[in-house]
């Protein structure tokens, strides 16, 4: 089933800096063959383009360089899978978009836990709820520890440590699919357990 969302074309490289996409393809092919100078030139050429993609993607100014570095590291790590017979631009944009989405997810998770403080805000201690919260946390830890090993590991890596699926798969030795299934089963089991209480 295809998504009804319109597909977006890769934006044109910004003028004045990067080389045309065909040069990028040639540089990448030469880099794959071991030409370090060509590979360095490729990375230097695509960097301004990646900054422009990050700005267009709504990344905060102070985070752009970090995102560009993430993208460049991913390009470096995945360079062996690039097919020189195919255009480089779409391959690069796919990597950039995935890193952009990862960063936005992380930012969303962390901002959901953060509270902006104003100068004159006073917090009132919720003493009446503290024992309940401690009890709830204890019950949840107990429920997680009673899960089967694979499910428990999926919950710990994906929810508690907030690793990406790929990172969790690498750390656990399980496939991404196995982790998804284990996570689904664990959540279903936890919902059943807490729904019955």
N, C-alpha and C. Protein backbone atom coordinates (compact mmCIF):
# COMPACT_ATOMS: atom_id res chain seq x y z
N UNK A 1 0.84 -1.16 0.00
CA UNK A 1 0.00 0.00 0.00
C UNK A 1 0.89 1.24 0.00
N UNK A 2 0.68 2.12 -0.95
CA UNK A 2 1.49 3.32 -1.05
C UNK A 2 0.91 4.42 -0.19
N UNK A 3 1.80 5.26 0.31
CA UNK A 3 1.38 6.40 1.10
C UNK A 3 0.78 7.45 0.19
N UNK A 4 -0.22 8.16 0.68
CA UNK A 4 -0.85 9.19 -0.12
C UNK A 4 -0.10 10.50 -0.03
N UNK A 5 0.94 10.56 0.83
CA UNK A 5 1.72 11.78 0.96
C UNK A 5 2.54 11.99 -0.31
N UNK A 6 2.62 13.24 -0.79
CA UNK A 6 3.37 13.48 -2.01
C UNK A 6 4.85 13.24 -1.76
N UNK A 7 5.51 12.68 -2.76
CA UNK A 7 6.95 12.45 -2.63
C UNK A 7 7.66 13.74 -2.95
N UNK A 8 8.67 14.06 -2.15
CA UNK A 8 9.39 15.30 -2.36
C UNK A 8 10.69 14.98 -3.05
N UNK A 9 11.03 15.80 -4.00
CA UNK A 9 12.29 15.66 -4.70
C UNK A 9 13.40 16.24 -3.83
N UNK A 10 14.59 15.76 -4.03
CA UNK A 10 15.73 16.31 -3.31
C UNK A 10 15.92 17.75 -3.76
N UNK A 11 16.14 18.67 -2.82
CA UNK A 11 16.35 20.05 -3.22
C UNK A 11 17.65 20.17 -4.00
N UNK A 12 17.71 21.17 -4.85
CA UNK A 12 18.93 21.41 -5.59
C UNK A 12 20.03 21.82 -4.63
N UNK A 13 21.26 21.44 -4.94
CA UNK A 13 22.37 21.87 -4.09
C UNK A 13 22.44 23.39 -4.07
N UNK A 14 22.81 23.99 -2.94
CA UNK A 14 22.94 25.44 -2.89
C UNK A 14 23.99 25.91 -3.86
N UNK A 15 23.79 27.06 -4.43
CA UNK A 15 24.74 27.57 -5.41
C UNK A 15 25.97 28.12 -4.72
N UNK A 16 27.07 28.11 -5.46
CA UNK A 16 28.28 28.73 -4.98
C UNK A 16 29.24 27.81 -4.25
N UNK A 17 28.89 26.56 -3.96
CA UNK A 17 29.81 25.74 -3.19
C UNK A 17 29.95 24.34 -3.74
N UNK A 18 28.94 23.51 -3.51
CA UNK A 18 29.08 22.11 -3.84
C UNK A 18 29.18 21.86 -5.34
N UNK A 19 29.76 20.76 -5.67
CA UNK A 19 29.85 20.34 -7.07
C UNK A 19 28.52 19.73 -7.49
N UNK A 20 28.26 19.68 -8.79
CA UNK A 20 27.01 19.04 -9.24
C UNK A 20 26.97 17.58 -8.82
N UNK A 21 25.76 17.06 -8.78
CA UNK A 21 25.55 15.69 -8.30
C UNK A 21 26.35 14.66 -9.09
N UNK A 22 26.50 14.85 -10.40
CA UNK A 22 27.26 13.87 -11.19
C UNK A 22 28.71 13.82 -10.72
N UNK A 23 29.27 14.97 -10.33
CA UNK A 23 30.62 14.98 -9.79
C UNK A 23 30.65 14.25 -8.45
N UNK A 24 29.60 14.40 -7.65
CA UNK A 24 29.54 13.70 -6.38
C UNK A 24 29.56 12.20 -6.60
N UNK A 25 28.81 11.73 -7.60
CA UNK A 25 28.78 10.29 -7.90
C UNK A 25 30.17 9.80 -8.28
N UNK A 26 30.85 10.58 -9.13
CA UNK A 26 32.19 10.20 -9.57
C UNK A 26 33.17 10.22 -8.40
N UNK A 27 33.05 11.24 -7.55
CA UNK A 27 33.95 11.31 -6.39
C UNK A 27 33.72 10.14 -5.44
N UNK A 28 32.47 9.78 -5.25
CA UNK A 28 32.17 8.65 -4.36
C UNK A 28 32.72 7.35 -4.94
N UNK A 29 32.55 7.17 -6.23
CA UNK A 29 33.08 5.96 -6.87
C UNK A 29 34.60 5.90 -6.71
N UNK A 30 35.27 7.03 -6.92
CA UNK A 30 36.72 7.07 -6.74
C UNK A 30 37.10 6.83 -5.28
N UNK A 31 36.29 7.38 -4.37
CA UNK A 31 36.54 7.16 -2.95
C UNK A 31 36.40 5.70 -2.58
N UNK A 32 35.42 5.02 -3.18
CA UNK A 32 35.25 3.58 -2.92
C UNK A 32 36.44 2.79 -3.43
N UNK A 33 37.09 3.31 -4.46
CA UNK A 33 38.27 2.63 -5.01
C UNK A 33 39.55 2.97 -4.25
N UNK A 34 39.41 3.77 -3.17
CA UNK A 34 40.57 4.06 -2.34
C UNK A 34 41.21 5.41 -2.55
N UNK A 35 40.64 6.25 -3.41
CA UNK A 35 41.18 7.59 -3.67
C UNK A 35 40.78 8.50 -2.51
N UNK A 36 41.69 8.69 -1.55
CA UNK A 36 41.38 9.47 -0.35
C UNK A 36 41.14 10.94 -0.66
N UNK A 37 41.88 11.48 -1.62
CA UNK A 37 41.71 12.90 -1.97
C UNK A 37 40.31 13.13 -2.55
N UNK A 38 39.86 12.21 -3.39
CA UNK A 38 38.52 12.35 -3.98
C UNK A 38 37.45 12.22 -2.90
N UNK A 39 37.66 11.30 -1.97
CA UNK A 39 36.69 11.09 -0.90
C UNK A 39 36.62 12.32 0.01
N UNK A 40 37.76 12.89 0.33
CA UNK A 40 37.81 14.10 1.15
C UNK A 40 37.10 15.25 0.44
N UNK A 41 37.36 15.40 -0.86
CA UNK A 41 36.71 16.45 -1.65
C UNK A 41 35.19 16.24 -1.68
N UNK A 42 34.76 14.99 -1.79
CA UNK A 42 33.32 14.69 -1.75
C UNK A 42 32.71 15.16 -0.43
N UNK A 43 33.32 14.78 0.67
CA UNK A 43 32.78 15.15 1.99
C UNK A 43 32.76 16.67 2.16
N UNK A 44 33.80 17.34 1.71
CA UNK A 44 33.83 18.80 1.80
C UNK A 44 32.78 19.42 0.89
N UNK A 45 32.52 18.80 -0.25
CA UNK A 45 31.55 19.34 -1.21
C UNK A 45 30.11 19.17 -0.75
N UNK A 46 29.81 18.08 -0.09
CA UNK A 46 28.42 17.84 0.30
C UNK A 46 28.06 18.52 1.62
N UNK A 47 29.05 18.94 2.39
CA UNK A 47 28.78 19.52 3.70
C UNK A 47 27.86 20.76 3.64
N UNK A 48 28.12 21.74 2.76
CA UNK A 48 27.20 22.88 2.70
C UNK A 48 25.78 22.47 2.28
N UNK A 49 25.70 21.50 1.40
CA UNK A 49 24.39 21.00 0.97
C UNK A 49 23.64 20.37 2.14
N UNK A 50 24.37 19.61 2.97
CA UNK A 50 23.75 18.98 4.14
C UNK A 50 23.30 20.03 5.15
N UNK A 51 24.09 21.10 5.30
CA UNK A 51 23.66 22.19 6.19
C UNK A 51 22.34 22.79 5.70
N UNK A 52 22.24 22.99 4.39
CA UNK A 52 21.01 23.55 3.83
C UNK A 52 19.83 22.60 4.05
N UNK A 53 20.04 21.31 3.88
CA UNK A 53 18.98 20.33 4.14
C UNK A 53 18.55 20.38 5.60
N UNK A 54 19.51 20.52 6.50
CA UNK A 54 19.19 20.57 7.93
C UNK A 54 18.36 21.82 8.25
N UNK A 55 18.76 22.95 7.67
CA UNK A 55 17.98 24.19 7.90
C UNK A 55 16.57 24.04 7.38
N UNK A 56 16.44 23.47 6.17
CA UNK A 56 15.11 23.27 5.59
C UNK A 56 14.29 22.27 6.39
N UNK A 57 14.98 21.37 7.09
CA UNK A 57 14.29 20.36 7.89
C UNK A 57 13.86 20.86 9.26
N UNK A 58 14.12 22.14 9.54
CA UNK A 58 13.66 22.72 10.80
C UNK A 58 14.56 22.47 11.99
N UNK A 59 15.81 22.12 11.74
CA UNK A 59 16.75 21.88 12.84
C UNK A 59 17.22 23.22 13.39
N UNK A 60 17.28 23.32 14.71
CA UNK A 60 17.76 24.53 15.36
C UNK A 60 19.19 24.82 14.93
N UNK A 61 19.53 26.09 14.84
CA UNK A 61 20.85 26.51 14.37
C UNK A 61 21.97 25.85 15.15
N UNK A 62 21.80 25.74 16.48
CA UNK A 62 22.87 25.17 17.30
C UNK A 62 23.02 23.66 17.12
N UNK A 63 22.06 23.02 16.47
CA UNK A 63 22.12 21.56 16.27
C UNK A 63 22.54 21.18 14.85
N UNK A 64 22.64 22.14 13.96
CA UNK A 64 22.91 21.83 12.55
C UNK A 64 24.24 21.10 12.38
N UNK A 65 25.30 21.61 13.01
CA UNK A 65 26.62 20.98 12.83
C UNK A 65 26.64 19.56 13.36
N UNK A 66 25.95 19.33 14.49
CA UNK A 66 25.88 17.97 15.03
C UNK A 66 25.17 17.04 14.04
N UNK A 67 24.08 17.51 13.46
CA UNK A 67 23.35 16.69 12.50
C UNK A 67 24.20 16.42 11.27
N UNK A 68 24.89 17.44 10.77
CA UNK A 68 25.76 17.27 9.59
C UNK A 68 26.83 16.22 9.89
N UNK A 69 27.41 16.27 11.09
CA UNK A 69 28.42 15.27 11.45
C UNK A 69 27.81 13.87 11.51
N UNK A 70 26.60 13.76 12.05
CA UNK A 70 25.91 12.46 12.08
C UNK A 70 25.73 11.92 10.66
N UNK A 71 25.31 12.79 9.76
CA UNK A 71 25.07 12.38 8.37
C UNK A 71 26.39 11.96 7.72
N UNK A 72 27.43 12.76 7.91
CA UNK A 72 28.73 12.42 7.32
C UNK A 72 29.26 11.09 7.86
N UNK A 73 29.08 10.85 9.15
CA UNK A 73 29.51 9.57 9.72
C UNK A 73 28.71 8.41 9.13
N UNK A 74 27.42 8.63 8.92
CA UNK A 74 26.59 7.58 8.34
C UNK A 74 27.00 7.32 6.89
N UNK A 75 27.26 8.39 6.14
CA UNK A 75 27.74 8.23 4.75
C UNK A 75 29.04 7.43 4.76
N UNK A 76 29.92 7.78 5.67
CA UNK A 76 31.21 7.06 5.75
C UNK A 76 30.99 5.58 6.09
N UNK A 77 30.13 5.31 7.05
CA UNK A 77 29.89 3.93 7.46
C UNK A 77 29.18 3.12 6.38
N UNK A 78 28.37 3.79 5.57
CA UNK A 78 27.57 3.08 4.55
C UNK A 78 28.15 3.21 3.15
N UNK A 79 29.32 3.80 3.02
CA UNK A 79 29.85 4.06 1.67
C UNK A 79 30.05 2.79 0.86
N UNK A 80 30.28 1.67 1.52
CA UNK A 80 30.50 0.42 0.80
C UNK A 80 29.23 -0.10 0.12
N UNK A 81 28.06 0.37 0.54
CA UNK A 81 26.82 -0.11 -0.07
C UNK A 81 26.34 0.80 -1.21
N UNK A 82 27.00 1.95 -1.38
CA UNK A 82 26.61 2.84 -2.49
C UNK A 82 26.93 2.17 -3.82
N UNK A 83 25.97 2.21 -4.73
CA UNK A 83 26.14 1.65 -6.08
C UNK A 83 26.51 2.78 -7.03
N UNK A 84 27.76 2.81 -7.54
CA UNK A 84 28.20 3.90 -8.40
C UNK A 84 27.39 4.02 -9.71
N UNK A 85 26.63 2.99 -10.04
CA UNK A 85 25.81 3.05 -11.25
C UNK A 85 24.54 3.88 -11.01
N UNK A 86 24.26 4.19 -9.76
CA UNK A 86 23.05 4.96 -9.42
C UNK A 86 23.44 6.37 -9.01
N UNK A 87 22.51 7.31 -9.09
CA UNK A 87 22.82 8.69 -8.70
C UNK A 87 23.14 8.80 -7.21
N UNK A 88 24.09 9.65 -6.89
CA UNK A 88 24.54 9.84 -5.51
C UNK A 88 23.55 10.69 -4.71
N UNK A 89 22.97 11.71 -5.34
CA UNK A 89 22.09 12.65 -4.64
C UNK A 89 20.95 12.00 -3.88
N UNK A 90 20.13 11.17 -4.53
CA UNK A 90 19.03 10.54 -3.80
C UNK A 90 19.52 9.64 -2.66
N UNK A 91 20.64 8.97 -2.86
CA UNK A 91 21.20 8.13 -1.80
C UNK A 91 21.58 8.99 -0.60
N UNK A 92 22.23 10.12 -0.87
CA UNK A 92 22.63 11.04 0.19
C UNK A 92 21.42 11.63 0.90
N UNK A 93 20.42 12.04 0.14
CA UNK A 93 19.22 12.66 0.73
C UNK A 93 18.48 11.64 1.60
N UNK A 94 18.45 10.38 1.19
CA UNK A 94 17.80 9.35 2.00
C UNK A 94 18.49 9.22 3.35
N UNK A 95 19.81 9.17 3.34
CA UNK A 95 20.56 9.10 4.59
C UNK A 95 20.31 10.34 5.43
N UNK A 96 20.36 11.51 4.79
CA UNK A 96 20.17 12.76 5.52
C UNK A 96 18.78 12.82 6.16
N UNK A 97 17.76 12.42 5.43
CA UNK A 97 16.40 12.46 5.98
C UNK A 97 16.25 11.50 7.16
N UNK A 98 16.86 10.34 7.05
CA UNK A 98 16.76 9.38 8.16
C UNK A 98 17.44 9.92 9.41
N UNK A 99 18.61 10.53 9.25
CA UNK A 99 19.30 11.12 10.40
C UNK A 99 18.50 12.30 10.96
N UNK A 100 17.87 13.07 10.07
CA UNK A 100 17.04 14.20 10.49
C UNK A 100 15.86 13.71 11.32
N UNK A 101 15.20 12.66 10.86
CA UNK A 101 14.06 12.10 11.59
C UNK A 101 14.53 11.55 12.93
N UNK A 102 15.67 10.87 12.97
CA UNK A 102 16.20 10.35 14.23
C UNK A 102 16.44 11.49 15.22
N UNK A 103 17.02 12.57 14.74
CA UNK A 103 17.31 13.71 15.63
C UNK A 103 16.02 14.34 16.13
N UNK A 104 15.02 14.46 15.26
CA UNK A 104 13.75 15.05 15.68
C UNK A 104 13.05 14.16 16.70
N UNK A 105 13.14 12.85 16.52
CA UNK A 105 12.56 11.93 17.51
C UNK A 105 13.23 12.10 18.86
N UNK A 106 14.58 12.13 18.85
CA UNK A 106 15.31 12.30 20.10
C UNK A 106 14.96 13.62 20.76
N UNK A 107 14.87 14.67 19.95
CA UNK A 107 14.53 15.98 20.50
C UNK A 107 13.12 15.95 21.08
N UNK A 108 12.20 15.27 20.41
CA UNK A 108 10.83 15.16 20.91
C UNK A 108 10.76 14.40 22.22
N UNK A 109 11.54 13.31 22.31
CA UNK A 109 11.55 12.53 23.56
C UNK A 109 12.12 13.34 24.70
N UNK A 110 13.22 14.06 24.44
CA UNK A 110 13.83 14.81 25.54
C UNK A 110 13.01 16.04 25.88
N UNK A 111 12.41 16.70 24.90
CA UNK A 111 11.61 17.89 25.22
C UNK A 111 10.32 17.50 25.94
N UNK A 112 9.85 16.28 25.73
CA UNK A 112 8.65 15.84 26.44
C UNK A 112 8.93 15.68 27.93
N UNK A 113 10.19 15.44 28.29
CA UNK A 113 10.56 15.28 29.69
C UNK A 113 11.01 16.59 30.33
N UNK A 114 11.23 17.61 29.51
CA UNK A 114 11.74 18.87 30.03
C UNK A 114 10.59 19.84 30.31
N UNK A 115 10.79 20.68 31.30
CA UNK A 115 9.84 21.73 31.63
C UNK A 115 10.58 23.04 31.61
N UNK A 116 10.07 23.99 30.87
CA UNK A 116 10.71 25.29 30.81
C UNK A 116 10.46 26.03 32.13
N UNK A 117 11.52 26.55 32.70
CA UNK A 117 11.40 27.26 33.96
C UNK A 117 11.42 28.76 33.70
N UNK A 118 10.47 29.44 34.27
CA UNK A 118 10.47 30.90 34.26
C UNK A 118 11.08 31.36 35.58
N UNK A 119 11.50 32.59 35.64
CA UNK A 119 12.19 33.09 36.83
C UNK A 119 11.34 33.01 38.09
N UNK A 120 10.04 33.27 37.99
CA UNK A 120 9.22 33.40 39.18
C UNK A 120 8.28 32.22 39.39
N UNK A 121 8.70 31.05 38.98
CA UNK A 121 7.86 29.88 39.15
C UNK A 121 8.18 29.22 40.48
N UNK A 122 7.16 28.89 41.23
CA UNK A 122 7.33 28.19 42.49
C UNK A 122 6.64 26.85 42.37
N UNK A 123 7.34 25.81 42.76
CA UNK A 123 6.77 24.48 42.71
C UNK A 123 6.29 24.05 44.08
N UNK A 124 5.13 23.47 44.12
CA UNK A 124 4.59 22.97 45.37
C UNK A 124 4.83 21.47 45.38
N UNK A 125 5.38 20.98 46.47
CA UNK A 125 5.65 19.55 46.57
C UNK A 125 4.33 18.79 46.61
N UNK A 126 4.29 17.72 45.84
CA UNK A 126 3.10 16.88 45.82
C UNK A 126 3.32 15.70 46.77
N UNK A 127 3.40 15.99 48.04
CA UNK A 127 3.73 14.97 49.03
C UNK A 127 2.69 13.86 49.08
N UNK A 128 1.44 14.21 48.81
CA UNK A 128 0.39 13.20 48.91
C UNK A 128 0.56 12.11 47.86
N UNK A 129 1.17 12.43 46.72
CA UNK A 129 1.30 11.46 45.64
C UNK A 129 2.62 10.70 45.66
N UNK A 130 3.59 11.12 46.45
CA UNK A 130 4.90 10.48 46.43
C UNK A 130 4.86 8.99 46.74
N UNK A 131 4.15 8.54 47.78
CA UNK A 131 4.12 7.09 48.04
C UNK A 131 3.47 6.32 46.88
N UNK A 132 2.42 6.88 46.29
CA UNK A 132 1.78 6.21 45.16
C UNK A 132 2.73 6.07 43.99
N UNK A 133 3.46 7.13 43.69
CA UNK A 133 4.40 7.09 42.56
C UNK A 133 5.50 6.07 42.82
N UNK A 134 6.03 6.05 44.02
CA UNK A 134 7.07 5.09 44.36
C UNK A 134 6.54 3.67 44.24
N UNK A 135 5.29 3.47 44.69
CA UNK A 135 4.67 2.15 44.60
C UNK A 135 4.46 1.75 43.15
N UNK A 136 3.99 2.71 42.33
CA UNK A 136 3.78 2.43 40.91
C UNK A 136 5.10 2.07 40.23
N UNK A 137 6.14 2.82 40.54
CA UNK A 137 7.45 2.54 39.94
C UNK A 137 7.96 1.17 40.36
N UNK A 138 7.76 0.82 41.62
CA UNK A 138 8.19 -0.48 42.13
C UNK A 138 7.42 -1.60 41.41
N UNK A 139 6.11 -1.42 41.27
CA UNK A 139 5.29 -2.44 40.59
C UNK A 139 5.71 -2.59 39.13
N UNK A 140 6.00 -1.46 38.46
CA UNK A 140 6.41 -1.52 37.07
C UNK A 140 7.76 -2.22 36.93
N UNK A 141 8.72 -1.88 37.81
CA UNK A 141 10.03 -2.56 37.76
C UNK A 141 9.86 -4.06 37.98
N UNK A 142 9.00 -4.42 38.92
CA UNK A 142 8.74 -5.84 39.17
C UNK A 142 8.12 -6.53 37.97
N UNK A 143 7.18 -5.85 37.32
CA UNK A 143 6.52 -6.42 36.14
C UNK A 143 7.52 -6.60 35.00
N UNK A 144 8.38 -5.61 34.81
CA UNK A 144 9.39 -5.70 33.74
C UNK A 144 10.36 -6.83 34.04
N UNK A 145 10.79 -6.95 35.28
CA UNK A 145 11.75 -8.01 35.62
C UNK A 145 11.14 -9.41 35.51
N UNK A 146 9.80 -9.50 35.56
CA UNK A 146 9.17 -10.82 35.43
C UNK A 146 8.91 -11.22 33.98
N UNK A 147 9.19 -10.31 33.05
CA UNK A 147 9.00 -10.64 31.63
C UNK A 147 10.03 -11.68 31.19
N UNK A 148 9.71 -12.46 30.15
CA UNK A 148 10.74 -13.35 29.59
C UNK A 148 11.95 -12.53 29.13
N UNK A 149 13.10 -13.16 29.11
CA UNK A 149 14.36 -12.47 28.87
C UNK A 149 14.34 -11.59 27.62
N UNK A 150 13.91 -12.10 26.48
CA UNK A 150 13.92 -11.34 25.24
C UNK A 150 13.02 -10.12 25.30
N UNK A 151 11.85 -10.28 25.91
CA UNK A 151 10.92 -9.17 26.05
C UNK A 151 11.46 -8.13 27.02
N UNK A 152 12.03 -8.61 28.13
CA UNK A 152 12.60 -7.70 29.13
C UNK A 152 13.74 -6.89 28.49
N UNK A 153 14.57 -7.56 27.73
CA UNK A 153 15.69 -6.88 27.09
C UNK A 153 15.20 -5.84 26.08
N UNK A 154 14.15 -6.16 25.34
CA UNK A 154 13.58 -5.20 24.38
C UNK A 154 13.07 -3.96 25.10
N UNK A 155 12.36 -4.15 26.21
CA UNK A 155 11.83 -3.01 26.98
C UNK A 155 12.98 -2.17 27.52
N UNK A 156 13.97 -2.83 28.10
CA UNK A 156 15.09 -2.09 28.69
C UNK A 156 15.85 -1.28 27.64
N UNK A 157 16.13 -1.88 26.48
CA UNK A 157 16.91 -1.18 25.48
C UNK A 157 16.12 -0.11 24.74
N UNK A 158 14.88 -0.46 24.34
CA UNK A 158 14.11 0.46 23.51
C UNK A 158 13.37 1.54 24.30
N UNK A 159 12.89 1.21 25.50
CA UNK A 159 12.09 2.18 26.26
C UNK A 159 12.88 2.83 27.39
N UNK A 160 13.60 2.04 28.16
CA UNK A 160 14.30 2.61 29.31
C UNK A 160 15.59 3.31 28.90
N UNK A 161 16.37 2.68 28.02
CA UNK A 161 17.62 3.31 27.56
C UNK A 161 17.39 4.17 26.33
N UNK A 162 16.22 4.06 25.70
CA UNK A 162 15.82 4.83 24.53
C UNK A 162 16.80 4.70 23.36
N UNK A 163 17.28 3.48 23.13
CA UNK A 163 18.14 3.24 21.98
C UNK A 163 17.27 3.13 20.73
N UNK A 164 17.86 3.43 19.59
CA UNK A 164 17.15 3.20 18.34
C UNK A 164 17.05 1.69 18.13
N UNK A 165 16.19 1.29 17.23
CA UNK A 165 16.01 -0.12 16.93
C UNK A 165 17.33 -0.74 16.45
N UNK A 166 18.03 0.00 15.61
CA UNK A 166 19.30 -0.49 15.07
C UNK A 166 20.35 -0.64 16.19
N UNK A 167 20.42 0.36 17.08
CA UNK A 167 21.38 0.29 18.18
C UNK A 167 21.04 -0.85 19.13
N UNK A 168 19.75 -1.02 19.42
CA UNK A 168 19.32 -2.09 20.32
C UNK A 168 19.63 -3.46 19.71
N UNK A 169 19.42 -3.59 18.40
CA UNK A 169 19.71 -4.86 17.73
C UNK A 169 21.21 -5.18 17.81
N UNK A 170 22.03 -4.17 17.61
CA UNK A 170 23.48 -4.38 17.68
C UNK A 170 23.90 -4.77 19.09
N UNK A 171 23.33 -4.14 20.09
CA UNK A 171 23.71 -4.42 21.48
C UNK A 171 23.19 -5.77 21.95
N UNK A 172 21.99 -6.14 21.52
CA UNK A 172 21.39 -7.37 22.03
C UNK A 172 21.75 -8.61 21.22
N UNK A 173 22.15 -8.40 19.98
CA UNK A 173 22.42 -9.54 19.11
C UNK A 173 21.17 -10.09 18.45
N UNK A 174 20.02 -9.46 18.71
CA UNK A 174 18.76 -9.88 18.09
C UNK A 174 18.55 -9.07 16.82
N UNK A 175 17.75 -9.60 15.91
CA UNK A 175 17.41 -8.84 14.72
C UNK A 175 16.43 -7.74 15.09
N UNK A 176 16.33 -6.74 14.22
CA UNK A 176 15.39 -5.64 14.46
C UNK A 176 13.96 -6.18 14.52
N UNK A 177 13.65 -7.14 13.66
CA UNK A 177 12.31 -7.71 13.64
C UNK A 177 12.02 -8.44 14.95
N UNK A 178 12.99 -9.20 15.43
CA UNK A 178 12.79 -9.93 16.70
C UNK A 178 12.57 -8.95 17.84
N UNK A 179 13.30 -7.83 17.83
CA UNK A 179 13.11 -6.82 18.88
C UNK A 179 11.72 -6.20 18.81
N UNK A 180 11.25 -5.93 17.59
CA UNK A 180 9.90 -5.36 17.43
C UNK A 180 8.85 -6.31 17.99
N UNK A 181 8.98 -7.57 17.64
CA UNK A 181 8.03 -8.58 18.11
C UNK A 181 8.09 -8.69 19.63
N UNK A 182 9.31 -8.76 20.18
CA UNK A 182 9.47 -8.87 21.64
C UNK A 182 8.88 -7.65 22.34
N UNK A 183 9.09 -6.48 21.78
CA UNK A 183 8.56 -5.25 22.39
C UNK A 183 7.04 -5.28 22.37
N UNK A 184 6.47 -5.68 21.25
CA UNK A 184 5.01 -5.76 21.12
C UNK A 184 4.44 -6.73 22.16
N UNK A 185 5.07 -7.89 22.26
CA UNK A 185 4.59 -8.89 23.22
C UNK A 185 4.73 -8.40 24.66
N UNK A 186 5.85 -7.73 24.95
CA UNK A 186 6.07 -7.23 26.30
C UNK A 186 5.02 -6.19 26.67
N UNK A 187 4.75 -5.26 25.77
CA UNK A 187 3.75 -4.24 26.06
C UNK A 187 2.37 -4.86 26.24
N UNK A 188 2.06 -5.84 25.42
CA UNK A 188 0.77 -6.52 25.53
C UNK A 188 0.67 -7.22 26.89
N UNK A 189 1.75 -7.88 27.28
CA UNK A 189 1.77 -8.60 28.56
C UNK A 189 1.65 -7.62 29.73
N UNK A 190 2.36 -6.48 29.66
CA UNK A 190 2.30 -5.49 30.73
C UNK A 190 0.90 -4.85 30.81
N UNK A 191 0.31 -4.57 29.66
CA UNK A 191 -1.05 -4.01 29.67
C UNK A 191 -2.03 -4.97 30.31
N UNK A 192 -1.90 -6.25 29.96
CA UNK A 192 -2.78 -7.26 30.56
C UNK A 192 -2.59 -7.33 32.07
N UNK A 193 -1.32 -7.30 32.48
CA UNK A 193 -1.04 -7.42 33.91
C UNK A 193 -1.59 -6.23 34.69
N UNK A 194 -1.38 -5.02 34.18
CA UNK A 194 -1.85 -3.85 34.91
C UNK A 194 -3.35 -3.61 34.71
N UNK A 195 -3.90 -4.15 33.64
CA UNK A 195 -5.35 -4.05 33.45
C UNK A 195 -6.12 -4.93 34.41
N UNK A 196 -5.49 -6.04 34.82
CA UNK A 196 -6.15 -6.97 35.73
C UNK A 196 -6.11 -6.49 37.17
N UNK A 197 -5.13 -5.64 37.52
CA UNK A 197 -4.99 -5.20 38.93
C UNK A 197 -5.99 -4.13 39.26
